[in-house]
Amino acid sequence: MERTERFYKIQNLLRSRKFVGTQELLEELGVSRATFKRDLEYLRERMHAPIVFDRDQEAYRFDP
């Protein structure tokens, strides 16, 4: 899966499920934890995606 496809997949998963755990994201994307972290950093910094880690849910979500 190409990087751009991963960006869309991450955003679609977060929109459709509200909370998505790290392991679930890694499995859905088929990437390493390091690649996932780089993708998140890019989405947050360059695309201004309000993705946060919710400690209570132990999952990622969009910040309202």
N, C-alpha and C. Protein backbone atom coordinates (compact mmCIF):
# COMPACT_ATOMS: atom_id res chain seq x y z
N MET A 1 0.85 -1.17 0.00
CA MET A 1 0.00 0.00 0.00
C MET A 1 0.90 1.24 0.00
N GLU A 2 0.60 2.17 -0.88
CA GLU A 2 1.38 3.39 -0.97
C GLU A 2 1.04 4.34 0.18
N ARG A 3 1.93 5.27 0.41
CA ARG A 3 1.78 6.21 1.52
C ARG A 3 0.46 6.98 1.46
N THR A 4 0.13 7.51 0.31
CA THR A 4 -1.12 8.27 0.17
C THR A 4 -2.33 7.40 0.47
N GLU A 5 -2.30 6.15 0.05
CA GLU A 5 -3.40 5.23 0.35
C GLU A 5 -3.52 5.02 1.86
N ARG A 6 -2.38 4.92 2.53
CA ARG A 6 -2.39 4.75 3.99
C ARG A 6 -3.02 5.96 4.66
N PHE A 7 -2.70 7.16 4.17
CA PHE A 7 -3.27 8.37 4.76
C PHE A 7 -4.80 8.33 4.68
N TYR A 8 -5.31 7.99 3.52
CA TYR A 8 -6.77 7.90 3.35
C TYR A 8 -7.35 6.81 4.23
N LYS A 9 -6.68 5.69 4.33
CA LYS A 9 -7.18 4.57 5.13
C LYS A 9 -7.22 4.94 6.61
N ILE A 10 -6.17 5.60 7.10
CA ILE A 10 -6.14 6.03 8.50
C ILE A 10 -7.33 6.95 8.77
N GLN A 11 -7.52 7.94 7.91
CA GLN A 11 -8.60 8.89 8.12
C GLN A 11 -9.97 8.22 8.02
N ASN A 12 -10.14 7.32 7.08
CA ASN A 12 -11.42 6.62 6.94
C ASN A 12 -11.71 5.74 8.14
N LEU A 13 -10.71 5.04 8.65
CA LEU A 13 -10.90 4.21 9.83
C LEU A 13 -11.32 5.04 11.04
N LEU A 14 -10.66 6.18 11.23
CA LEU A 14 -10.99 7.03 12.37
C LEU A 14 -12.37 7.65 12.24
N ARG A 15 -12.77 7.98 11.04
CA ARG A 15 -14.12 8.55 10.84
C ARG A 15 -15.20 7.50 11.06
N SER A 16 -14.96 6.30 10.60
CA SER A 16 -16.00 5.29 10.66
C SER A 16 -16.12 4.61 12.03
N ARG A 17 -15.03 4.54 12.76
CA ARG A 17 -15.06 3.79 14.03
C ARG A 17 -14.88 4.65 15.27
N LYS A 18 -14.61 5.92 15.10
CA LYS A 18 -14.39 6.86 16.21
C LYS A 18 -13.08 6.59 16.96
N PHE A 19 -12.88 5.36 17.48
CA PHE A 19 -11.66 5.00 18.17
C PHE A 19 -11.05 3.79 17.48
N VAL A 20 -9.73 3.85 17.24
CA VAL A 20 -9.05 2.73 16.60
C VAL A 20 -7.73 2.49 17.33
N GLY A 21 -7.55 1.28 17.81
CA GLY A 21 -6.34 0.92 18.53
C GLY A 21 -5.12 0.82 17.63
N THR A 22 -3.96 0.95 18.24
CA THR A 22 -2.70 0.91 17.49
C THR A 22 -2.54 -0.40 16.74
N GLN A 23 -2.76 -1.51 17.41
CA GLN A 23 -2.56 -2.81 16.77
C GLN A 23 -3.52 -2.99 15.60
N GLU A 24 -4.73 -2.53 15.76
CA GLU A 24 -5.71 -2.64 14.67
C GLU A 24 -5.26 -1.81 13.46
N LEU A 25 -4.75 -0.61 13.72
CA LEU A 25 -4.25 0.22 12.63
C LEU A 25 -3.06 -0.44 11.94
N LEU A 26 -2.15 -0.99 12.71
CA LEU A 26 -0.98 -1.65 12.13
C LEU A 26 -1.39 -2.81 11.24
N GLU A 27 -2.36 -3.59 11.69
CA GLU A 27 -2.83 -4.74 10.91
C GLU A 27 -3.56 -4.30 9.65
N GLU A 28 -4.42 -3.29 9.77
CA GLU A 28 -5.17 -2.80 8.62
C GLU A 28 -4.25 -2.20 7.56
N LEU A 29 -3.21 -1.50 8.01
CA LEU A 29 -2.30 -0.82 7.09
C LEU A 29 -1.19 -1.74 6.58
N GLY A 30 -0.87 -2.77 7.36
CA GLY A 30 0.20 -3.69 6.98
C GLY A 30 1.57 -3.04 7.02
N VAL A 31 1.80 -2.20 8.05
CA VAL A 31 3.07 -1.49 8.18
C VAL A 31 3.65 -1.70 9.58
N SER A 32 4.90 -1.30 9.74
CA SER A 32 5.55 -1.38 11.05
C SER A 32 5.07 -0.22 11.92
N ARG A 33 5.34 -0.32 13.21
CA ARG A 33 4.99 0.76 14.14
C ARG A 33 5.71 2.05 13.76
N ALA A 34 6.97 1.95 13.34
CA ALA A 34 7.75 3.14 12.96
C ALA A 34 7.13 3.84 11.75
N THR A 35 6.71 3.08 10.76
CA THR A 35 6.07 3.66 9.58
C THR A 35 4.76 4.33 9.96
N PHE A 36 3.99 3.68 10.81
CA PHE A 36 2.74 4.24 11.27
C PHE A 36 2.97 5.57 12.00
N LYS A 37 3.97 5.63 12.86
CA LYS A 37 4.28 6.85 13.59
C LYS A 37 4.68 7.98 12.64
N ARG A 38 5.47 7.64 11.61
CA ARG A 38 5.85 8.65 10.61
C ARG A 38 4.63 9.16 9.86
N ASP A 39 3.73 8.25 9.51
CA ASP A 39 2.50 8.64 8.81
C ASP A 39 1.66 9.57 9.69
N LEU A 40 1.52 9.24 10.97
CA LEU A 40 0.76 10.10 11.88
C LEU A 40 1.38 11.49 11.99
N GLU A 41 2.69 11.51 12.12
CA GLU A 41 3.39 12.80 12.22
C GLU A 41 3.14 13.65 10.97
N TYR A 42 3.21 13.02 9.81
CA TYR A 42 2.97 13.73 8.56
C TYR A 42 1.54 14.27 8.50
N LEU A 43 0.58 13.41 8.84
CA LEU A 43 -0.82 13.83 8.82
C LEU A 43 -1.07 15.01 9.77
N ARG A 44 -0.48 14.95 10.94
CA ARG A 44 -0.67 16.01 11.93
C ARG A 44 0.01 17.32 11.51
N GLU A 45 1.25 17.23 11.09
CA GLU A 45 2.02 18.44 10.81
C GLU A 45 1.74 19.04 9.44
N ARG A 46 1.64 18.23 8.43
CA ARG A 46 1.51 18.76 7.07
C ARG A 46 0.07 18.90 6.61
N MET A 47 -0.79 18.02 7.10
CA MET A 47 -2.19 18.05 6.67
C MET A 47 -3.11 18.57 7.76
N HIS A 48 -2.52 18.91 8.92
CA HIS A 48 -3.26 19.48 10.06
C HIS A 48 -4.42 18.58 10.50
N ALA A 49 -4.22 17.28 10.42
CA ALA A 49 -5.24 16.33 10.88
C ALA A 49 -5.22 16.28 12.41
N PRO A 50 -6.35 16.52 13.05
CA PRO A 50 -6.40 16.56 14.52
C PRO A 50 -6.48 15.16 15.14
N ILE A 51 -5.50 14.33 14.86
CA ILE A 51 -5.49 12.97 15.37
C ILE A 51 -4.77 12.96 16.72
N VAL A 52 -5.45 12.41 17.72
CA VAL A 52 -4.88 12.33 19.06
C VAL A 52 -5.01 10.90 19.59
N PHE A 53 -4.19 10.60 20.60
CA PHE A 53 -4.30 9.32 21.28
C PHE A 53 -5.11 9.53 22.54
N ASP A 54 -6.20 8.80 22.67
CA ASP A 54 -7.08 8.89 23.82
C ASP A 54 -6.65 7.82 24.82
N ARG A 55 -6.09 8.25 25.94
CA ARG A 55 -5.57 7.30 26.94
C ARG A 55 -6.68 6.48 27.60
N ASP A 56 -7.84 7.09 27.78
CA ASP A 56 -8.95 6.36 28.39
C ASP A 56 -9.40 5.19 27.53
N GLN A 57 -9.44 5.40 26.23
CA GLN A 57 -9.86 4.36 25.29
C GLN A 57 -8.70 3.51 24.78
N GLU A 58 -7.47 3.99 25.03
CA GLU A 58 -6.26 3.34 24.53
C GLU A 58 -6.33 3.17 23.01
N ALA A 59 -6.74 4.28 22.35
CA ALA A 59 -6.93 4.25 20.91
C ALA A 59 -6.79 5.66 20.33
N TYR A 60 -6.63 5.71 19.02
CA TYR A 60 -6.54 7.00 18.32
C TYR A 60 -7.94 7.46 17.94
N ARG A 61 -8.09 8.78 17.83
CA ARG A 61 -9.36 9.39 17.43
C ARG A 61 -9.07 10.76 16.86
N PHE A 62 -10.10 11.35 16.24
CA PHE A 62 -10.01 12.74 15.82
C PHE A 62 -10.40 13.62 17.01
N ASP A 63 -9.66 14.69 17.22
CA ASP A 63 -9.97 15.65 18.28
C ASP A 63 -11.07 16.57 17.77
N PRO A 64 -12.18 16.68 18.50
CA PRO A 64 -13.29 17.51 18.00
C PRO A 64 -12.97 18.95 18.04
